Amino acid sequence: MRLFGRKDEEQEAGEPGDGIAEFWTWWQEARPGLDSMVASGEAEGLEERLAPAVAAIHPGLVWEVAPGRNAAHALVVTAAGDAELRSLAHRWAKAAPPADLLWEFHPSRQANAQALELTLDVGGYEFALDKLMLGLRVPRGQPRVDVSAYHPIFGELDEETRLEAALLALDWLLGEDDVARWVGEITPATFQPIDSVAAAHLPAVVADLASGYTEEEWVLLEGQTAGGAPLVATARHPLRSVDYPLFDQHIAITLPYAHRDENGLPVGDSLTALRDFEERLAARLLKLRDDAVLAAHLSAEGHRIIHVYADPTGDAAIHAKELIVSWEEGEPRVDVATDPAWTAVLPFLT
């Protein structure tokens, strides 16, 4: 059984939801009736009960009932690719009761081992995944695979429906989070790509790609500020918010430095001081590894900005404010904001 909640197009994606505790209270009270509906296949009644309860958390969340991995059924409440809502969906799942024989709970669609045996009705046509063909391309040096998806019914569907069907198929094949991690451009095609392969090969291609990114890596980048000044940055690679779904608090540490070259970049004693500060910050974050991560830092025009993302229920912001007290070159600053989509480091996301 799969039931889909639909996003409210009028809803602002970033509006917060605070009804998680209320949902789980409702769930415990409503569960006997929900169990009966699932057992008897009352899809319409189940939707009438679940849809408003999930919408009360946030109207932009999407829900479905799917086969469970260990339980008979899984209730999935997902952001459906909306980075602004991902942390909310994960907090919903974190607050869930323990799984049992009948129900388990997930904040994203899970890979389905029987995906290639599934057939849906899409726009009145049979969408069988064993007939899905994929053109796969891995851009040089990039941690992603671009997908061109073809199915015989795609020529009969409008563009939006083709894309929705392709996305759902990829979620079934890989799991929604791995689609976010490893899949880049997704192009529904009405003609089969010349070099296409059966959809069954996608998990192996992604596993091979992922095997090249098992160690922590950083990249050095150069660019310009909006005003044209030289900029040097170092960023975690790959850098993806899906890897840290509860880290929706952005902590920006700004350190002015006194010693700079003609381009405004740090040199000499300032460079040494910045390295020492970041070593001490890294040591603190190592102790908070379940609560915070250093995403990137950049230097330009006499300032270094260090971007940290954290779980707002942790103490990362407190540690950052304690550390800057020792900075002696100008007036340091710590700015804390909610940023679930990691927009502050958007140029560095992969």
Protein backbone atom coordinates (compact mmCIF):
# COMPACT_ATOMS: atom_id res chain seq x y z
CA MET A 1 0.00 0.00 0.00
CA ARG A 2 1.30 3.48 -0.79
CA LEU A 3 -0.60 6.61 0.06
CA PHE A 4 0.68 10.04 -0.80
CA GLY A 5 0.23 13.37 0.93
CA ARG A 6 0.42 16.35 -1.42
CA LYS A 7 2.35 19.52 -0.72
CA ASP A 8 0.26 22.65 -0.28
CA GLU A 9 1.53 24.93 -3.05
CA GLU A 10 0.44 27.99 -1.12
CA GLN A 11 2.50 27.03 1.94
CA GLU A 12 5.80 28.78 2.53
CA ALA A 13 8.45 26.05 2.68
CA GLY A 14 10.32 27.64 5.54
CA GLU A 15 7.42 28.14 7.96
CA PRO A 16 8.13 26.19 11.11
CA GLY A 17 6.03 23.37 12.46
CA ASP A 18 5.76 22.67 16.17
CA GLY A 19 3.15 19.92 16.33
CA ILE A 20 5.44 16.89 16.66
CA ALA A 21 4.57 16.06 20.27
CA GLU A 22 0.90 16.59 19.53
CA PHE A 23 1.12 14.23 16.54
CA TRP A 24 2.51 11.38 18.62
CA THR A 25 -0.09 11.93 21.32
CA TRP A 26 -2.76 11.75 18.61
CA TRP A 27 -1.09 8.65 17.12
CA GLN A 28 -1.30 6.70 20.38
CA GLU A 29 -4.97 7.56 20.71
CA ALA A 30 -5.86 6.93 17.07
CA ARG A 31 -3.75 3.84 16.53
CA PRO A 32 -6.38 1.14 17.19
CA GLY A 33 -8.57 2.61 14.46
CA LEU A 34 -5.61 3.07 12.10
CA ASP A 35 -4.54 -0.53 12.64
CA SER A 36 -8.01 -1.72 11.70
CA MET A 37 -8.05 0.42 8.55
CA VAL A 38 -4.68 -0.92 7.42
CA ALA A 39 -5.76 -4.51 8.08
CA SER A 40 -8.94 -4.06 6.05
CA GLY A 41 -7.33 -1.99 3.29
CA GLU A 42 -9.42 1.12 3.95
CA ALA A 43 -7.11 3.48 2.11
CA GLU A 44 -9.60 6.33 1.92
CA GLY A 45 -10.36 6.24 5.63
CA LEU A 46 -6.66 6.05 6.47
CA GLU A 47 -6.00 9.14 4.37
CA GLU A 48 -8.83 11.03 6.05
CA ARG A 49 -7.25 10.37 9.44
CA LEU A 50 -3.55 10.77 8.63
CA ALA A 51 -3.57 13.69 6.22
CA PRO A 52 -4.76 16.38 8.67
CA ALA A 53 -2.58 15.00 11.46
CA VAL A 54 0.57 15.31 9.34
CA ALA A 55 -0.51 18.68 7.95
CA ALA A 56 -0.78 19.95 11.53
CA ILE A 57 2.98 19.45 11.86
CA HIS A 58 3.59 21.29 8.59
CA PRO A 59 1.43 21.43 5.45
CA GLY A 60 4.52 20.98 3.26
CA LEU A 61 5.34 17.52 4.57
CA VAL A 62 4.44 14.48 2.45
CA TRP A 63 3.35 11.19 3.99
CA GLU A 64 2.81 7.65 2.83
CA VAL A 65 2.25 4.17 4.18
CA ALA A 66 4.66 1.67 2.64
CA PRO A 67 5.86 -1.88 3.35
CA GLY A 68 8.17 -1.89 6.36
CA ARG A 69 11.68 -3.27 6.53
CA ASN A 70 11.12 -5.14 9.79
CA ALA A 71 7.52 -4.21 10.65
CA ALA A 72 4.52 -4.97 8.48
CA HIS A 73 4.06 -1.30 7.59
CA ALA A 74 6.12 1.88 7.57
CA LEU A 75 4.73 5.34 8.12
CA VAL A 76 6.92 7.75 6.17
CA VAL A 77 6.70 11.48 6.77
CA THR A 78 9.15 13.18 4.47
CA ALA A 79 10.23 16.59 3.22
CA ALA A 80 10.17 15.05 -0.29
CA GLY A 81 13.37 16.76 -1.32
CA ASP A 82 12.59 20.11 0.33
CA ALA A 83 15.77 20.91 2.28
CA GLU A 84 13.91 23.51 4.33
CA LEU A 85 11.75 20.78 5.89
CA ARG A 86 14.21 17.89 6.16
CA SER A 87 15.19 18.58 9.78
CA LEU A 88 11.52 18.78 10.77
CA ALA A 89 10.83 15.35 9.26
CA HIS A 90 13.83 13.88 11.06
CA ARG A 91 12.75 15.37 14.38
CA TRP A 92 9.32 13.84 13.82
CA ALA A 93 10.96 10.42 13.36
CA LYS A 94 13.32 10.93 16.30
CA ALA A 95 10.32 11.49 18.57
CA ALA A 96 8.51 8.37 17.32
CA PRO A 97 7.68 5.48 19.63
CA PRO A 98 9.76 2.29 19.26
CA ALA A 99 8.95 0.21 16.21
CA ASP A 100 6.91 -2.95 16.74
CA LEU A 101 5.69 -5.82 14.60
CA LEU A 102 3.10 -3.66 12.84
CA TRP A 103 4.63 -0.19 12.49
CA GLU A 104 7.99 1.47 11.94
CA PHE A 105 8.65 5.13 11.16
CA HIS A 106 10.95 6.89 8.68
CA PRO A 107 11.68 10.55 7.78
CA SER A 108 12.44 9.66 4.17
CA ARG A 109 11.43 7.05 1.61
CA GLN A 110 13.42 3.86 1.99
CA ALA A 111 14.89 1.71 -0.77
CA ASN A 112 12.60 -1.18 -1.65
CA ALA A 113 14.25 -4.52 -2.36
CA GLN A 114 11.25 -5.49 -4.50
CA ALA A 115 11.22 -2.20 -6.41
CA LEU A 116 11.53 -3.85 -9.82
CA GLU A 117 8.43 -5.91 -9.13
CA LEU A 118 6.27 -2.84 -8.51
CA THR A 119 3.71 -1.34 -10.87
CA LEU A 120 1.80 1.89 -10.31
CA ASP A 121 -1.01 3.65 -12.06
CA VAL A 122 0.44 6.93 -13.34
CA GLY A 123 -1.97 9.11 -15.27
CA GLY A 124 -4.01 6.05 -16.21
CA TYR A 125 -0.97 4.14 -17.51
CA GLU A 126 0.92 1.24 -15.97
CA PHE A 127 4.30 2.37 -14.64
CA ALA A 128 6.26 -0.86 -14.17
CA LEU A 129 9.76 -0.27 -12.84
CA ASP A 130 11.20 -3.29 -14.66
CA LYS A 131 10.64 -1.34 -17.90
CA LEU A 132 12.46 1.78 -16.68
CA MET A 133 15.71 2.51 -18.54
CA LEU A 134 18.35 4.97 -17.33
CA GLY A 135 21.07 6.92 -19.06
CA LEU A 136 23.81 7.44 -16.45
CA ARG A 137 26.64 9.97 -16.52
CA VAL A 138 29.17 10.74 -13.79
CA PRO A 139 30.69 14.21 -14.34
CA ARG A 140 34.47 14.18 -13.96
CA GLY A 141 35.52 14.76 -10.37
CA GLN A 142 31.96 15.20 -9.11
CA PRO A 143 30.30 13.11 -6.35
CA ARG A 144 27.10 12.55 -8.29
CA VAL A 145 25.53 10.68 -11.17
CA ASP A 146 23.24 12.51 -13.61
CA VAL A 147 20.24 10.44 -14.68
CA SER A 148 18.17 10.47 -17.85
CA ALA A 149 15.10 8.30 -17.17
CA TYR A 150 12.98 6.69 -19.90
CA HIS A 151 9.83 4.62 -19.64
CA PRO A 152 7.52 3.61 -22.51
CA ILE A 153 4.61 5.56 -20.96
CA PHE A 154 6.56 8.83 -20.62
CA GLY A 155 5.55 9.97 -24.08
CA GLU A 156 1.91 9.92 -22.93
CA LEU A 157 2.49 12.00 -19.80
CA ASP A 158 3.05 15.70 -19.19
CA GLU A 159 6.50 16.85 -18.07
CA GLU A 160 5.62 17.31 -14.39
CA THR A 161 4.09 13.84 -14.10
CA ARG A 162 7.08 12.26 -15.86
CA LEU A 163 9.42 13.92 -13.36
CA GLU A 164 7.33 12.85 -10.36
CA ALA A 165 7.29 9.24 -11.61
CA ALA A 166 11.05 9.27 -12.22
CA LEU A 167 11.75 10.70 -8.75
CA LEU A 168 9.54 8.12 -7.08
CA ALA A 169 11.26 5.31 -8.99
CA LEU A 170 14.70 6.56 -7.91
CA ASP A 171 13.53 6.78 -4.29
CA TRP A 172 12.39 3.14 -4.47
CA LEU A 173 15.65 2.02 -6.06
CA LEU A 174 18.09 3.92 -3.82
CA GLY A 175 16.16 5.41 -0.93
CA GLU A 176 15.32 9.10 -0.81
CA ASP A 177 18.42 10.15 1.15
CA ASP A 178 20.82 8.44 -1.24
CA VAL A 179 19.06 10.13 -4.15
CA ALA A 180 19.79 13.44 -2.44
CA ARG A 181 23.40 12.41 -1.80
CA TRP A 182 24.43 10.91 -5.10
CA VAL A 183 21.98 11.82 -7.86
CA GLY A 184 22.49 15.12 -9.67
CA GLU A 185 20.37 16.20 -12.63
CA ILE A 186 17.28 14.08 -13.31
CA THR A 187 15.87 14.32 -16.82
CA PRO A 188 12.72 12.36 -17.81
CA ALA A 189 13.09 11.37 -21.47
CA THR A 190 10.45 10.51 -24.04
CA PHE A 191 13.02 8.62 -26.16
CA GLN A 192 15.31 5.93 -24.83
CA PRO A 193 18.91 7.16 -24.43
CA ILE A 194 21.34 5.33 -26.70
CA ASP A 195 23.59 4.23 -23.83
CA SER A 196 20.80 3.46 -21.35
CA VAL A 197 20.84 0.52 -18.95
CA ALA A 198 18.10 -1.21 -16.96
CA ALA A 199 17.15 0.58 -13.74
CA ALA A 200 18.36 -2.46 -11.80
CA HIS A 201 21.96 -1.33 -12.40
CA LEU A 202 21.60 2.05 -10.66
CA PRO A 203 22.34 0.90 -7.07
CA ALA A 204 25.62 -0.70 -8.19
CA VAL A 205 26.68 2.43 -10.08
CA VAL A 206 25.94 4.60 -7.04
CA ALA A 207 27.73 2.20 -4.68
CA ASP A 208 30.81 2.34 -6.90
CA LEU A 209 30.68 6.15 -6.94
CA ALA A 210 30.23 6.34 -3.15
CA SER A 211 33.23 4.06 -2.57
CA GLY A 212 35.46 6.88 -3.79
CA TYR A 213 34.29 9.21 -1.01
CA THR A 214 34.69 7.20 2.17
CA GLU A 215 37.41 9.40 3.70
CA GLU A 216 37.01 12.97 4.97
CA GLU A 217 38.19 15.36 2.27
CA TRP A 218 38.56 19.13 1.92
CA VAL A 219 38.90 21.25 -1.19
CA LEU A 220 40.68 24.58 -1.62
CA LEU A 221 38.74 27.09 -3.71
CA GLU A 222 39.53 30.52 -5.09
CA GLY A 223 37.12 33.18 -6.26
CA GLN A 224 35.94 36.73 -5.79
CA THR A 225 33.60 38.53 -3.44
CA ALA A 226 30.57 40.37 -4.81
CA GLY A 227 32.76 43.46 -4.90
CA GLY A 228 35.48 41.73 -6.90
CA ALA A 229 38.02 41.20 -4.09
CA PRO A 230 40.05 37.94 -4.08
CA LEU A 231 38.60 35.18 -1.93
CA VAL A 232 40.08 31.88 -0.72
CA ALA A 233 37.90 29.17 0.80
CA THR A 234 38.26 25.66 2.17
CA ALA A 235 35.19 23.41 2.24
CA ARG A 236 34.33 19.89 3.25
CA HIS A 237 33.88 17.65 0.19
CA PRO A 238 31.32 16.36 -0.47
CA LEU A 239 29.30 18.92 1.49
CA ARG A 240 25.60 18.01 1.76
CA SER A 241 22.97 18.92 4.30
CA VAL A 242 21.32 15.50 3.91
CA ASP A 243 24.30 13.98 5.77
CA TYR A 244 23.48 16.10 8.84
CA PRO A 245 19.66 16.36 8.82
CA LEU A 246 19.33 17.71 12.37
CA PHE A 247 22.03 20.37 11.93
CA ASP A 248 19.81 23.28 10.94
CA GLN A 249 21.47 25.90 13.13
CA HIS A 250 24.05 28.00 11.27
CA ILE A 251 26.89 29.43 13.37
CA ALA A 252 29.00 32.02 11.54
CA ILE A 253 32.24 32.95 13.30
CA THR A 254 33.80 36.13 11.89
CA LEU A 255 37.44 36.85 12.76
CA PRO A 256 39.05 40.08 11.54
CA TYR A 257 42.80 39.73 11.00
CA ALA A 258 45.48 42.40 11.11
CA HIS A 259 48.19 41.00 8.87
CA ARG A 260 47.18 40.70 5.24
CA ASP A 261 48.71 40.83 1.79
CA GLU A 262 47.83 43.25 -1.01
CA ASN A 263 44.80 41.09 -1.84
CA GLY A 264 43.40 41.24 1.69
CA LEU A 265 44.30 37.60 2.48
CA PRO A 266 45.90 36.58 5.81
CA VAL A 267 49.68 36.26 6.15
CA GLY A 268 52.30 35.94 8.88
CA ASP A 269 51.14 36.12 12.48
CA SER A 270 47.50 36.40 11.45
CA LEU A 271 47.67 33.20 9.43
CA THR A 272 49.26 31.44 12.41
CA ALA A 273 46.59 32.79 14.77
CA LEU A 274 43.78 31.68 12.45
CA ARG A 275 45.19 28.17 12.22
CA ASP A 276 45.53 27.98 15.99
CA PHE A 277 41.91 29.13 16.44
CA GLU A 278 40.61 26.56 13.98
CA GLU A 279 42.58 23.78 15.67
CA ARG A 280 40.97 24.68 18.98
CA LEU A 281 37.57 24.89 17.31
CA ALA A 282 38.09 21.51 15.65
CA ALA A 283 39.00 19.98 19.02
CA ARG A 284 35.76 21.27 20.51
CA LEU A 285 33.70 20.07 17.54
CA LEU A 286 35.32 16.65 17.79
CA LYS A 287 33.76 16.33 21.24
CA LEU A 288 30.46 17.50 19.73
CA ARG A 289 30.61 15.30 16.64
CA ASP A 290 26.99 14.23 17.08
CA ASP A 291 25.89 17.85 17.42
CA ALA A 292 27.96 20.00 15.03
CA VAL A 293 30.16 20.00 11.94
CA LEU A 294 32.62 22.48 10.43
CA ALA A 295 31.36 23.01 6.88
CA ALA A 296 33.66 25.62 5.35
CA HIS A 297 35.69 28.75 5.98
CA LEU A 298 36.62 31.62 3.71
CA SER A 299 39.00 34.57 3.85
CA ALA A 300 38.62 37.88 2.06
CA GLU A 301 39.07 41.61 2.70
CA GLY A 302 40.68 41.17 6.10
CA HIS A 303 38.11 38.77 7.56
CA ARG A 304 37.79 35.02 7.93
CA ILE A 305 34.29 33.59 8.22
CA ILE A 306 33.97 30.07 9.62
CA HIS A 307 30.71 28.23 8.90
CA VAL A 308 29.54 25.66 11.44
CA TYR A 309 26.23 23.78 11.34
CA ALA A 310 24.80 22.31 14.51
CA ASP A 311 21.85 20.72 16.22
CA PRO A 312 20.22 23.67 18.02
CA THR A 313 19.59 21.48 21.06
CA GLY A 314 23.36 21.14 21.55
CA ASP A 315 26.01 23.53 22.86
CA ALA A 316 27.99 24.35 19.71
CA ALA A 317 26.98 28.02 19.71
CA ILE A 318 28.04 28.36 23.35
CA HIS A 319 31.45 26.87 22.56
CA ALA A 320 31.91 29.24 19.62
CA LYS A 321 31.15 32.26 21.79
CA GLU A 322 33.57 31.04 24.45
CA LEU A 323 36.36 30.59 21.90
CA ILE A 324 36.21 34.04 20.33
CA VAL A 325 36.99 35.67 23.70
CA SER A 326 40.65 34.80 23.11
CA TRP A 327 40.81 36.43 19.66
CA GLU A 328 43.05 39.50 19.80
CA GLU A 329 43.00 40.89 16.25
CA GLY A 330 39.97 43.12 16.06
CA GLU A 331 36.42 42.49 17.25
CA PRO A 332 35.27 38.89 16.55
CA ARG A 333 31.61 38.00 16.14
CA VAL A 334 29.38 34.94 16.34
CA ASP A 335 26.06 35.03 14.47
CA VAL A 336 23.55 32.24 15.04
CA ALA A 337 20.57 31.63 12.76
CA THR A 338 18.23 28.89 11.64
CA ASP A 339 19.25 27.64 8.18
CA PRO A 340 17.88 24.14 7.43
CA ALA A 341 18.69 24.40 3.70
CA TRP A 342 22.29 25.47 4.39
CA THR A 343 21.84 28.54 2.21
CA ALA A 344 24.81 30.28 3.84
CA VAL A 345 27.17 27.76 2.24
CA LEU A 346 25.18 27.23 -0.96
CA PRO A 347 28.21 27.79 -3.27
CA PHE A 348 30.04 24.95 -1.54
CA LEU A 349 27.26 22.33 -1.57
CA THR A 350 27.83 19.29 -3.79
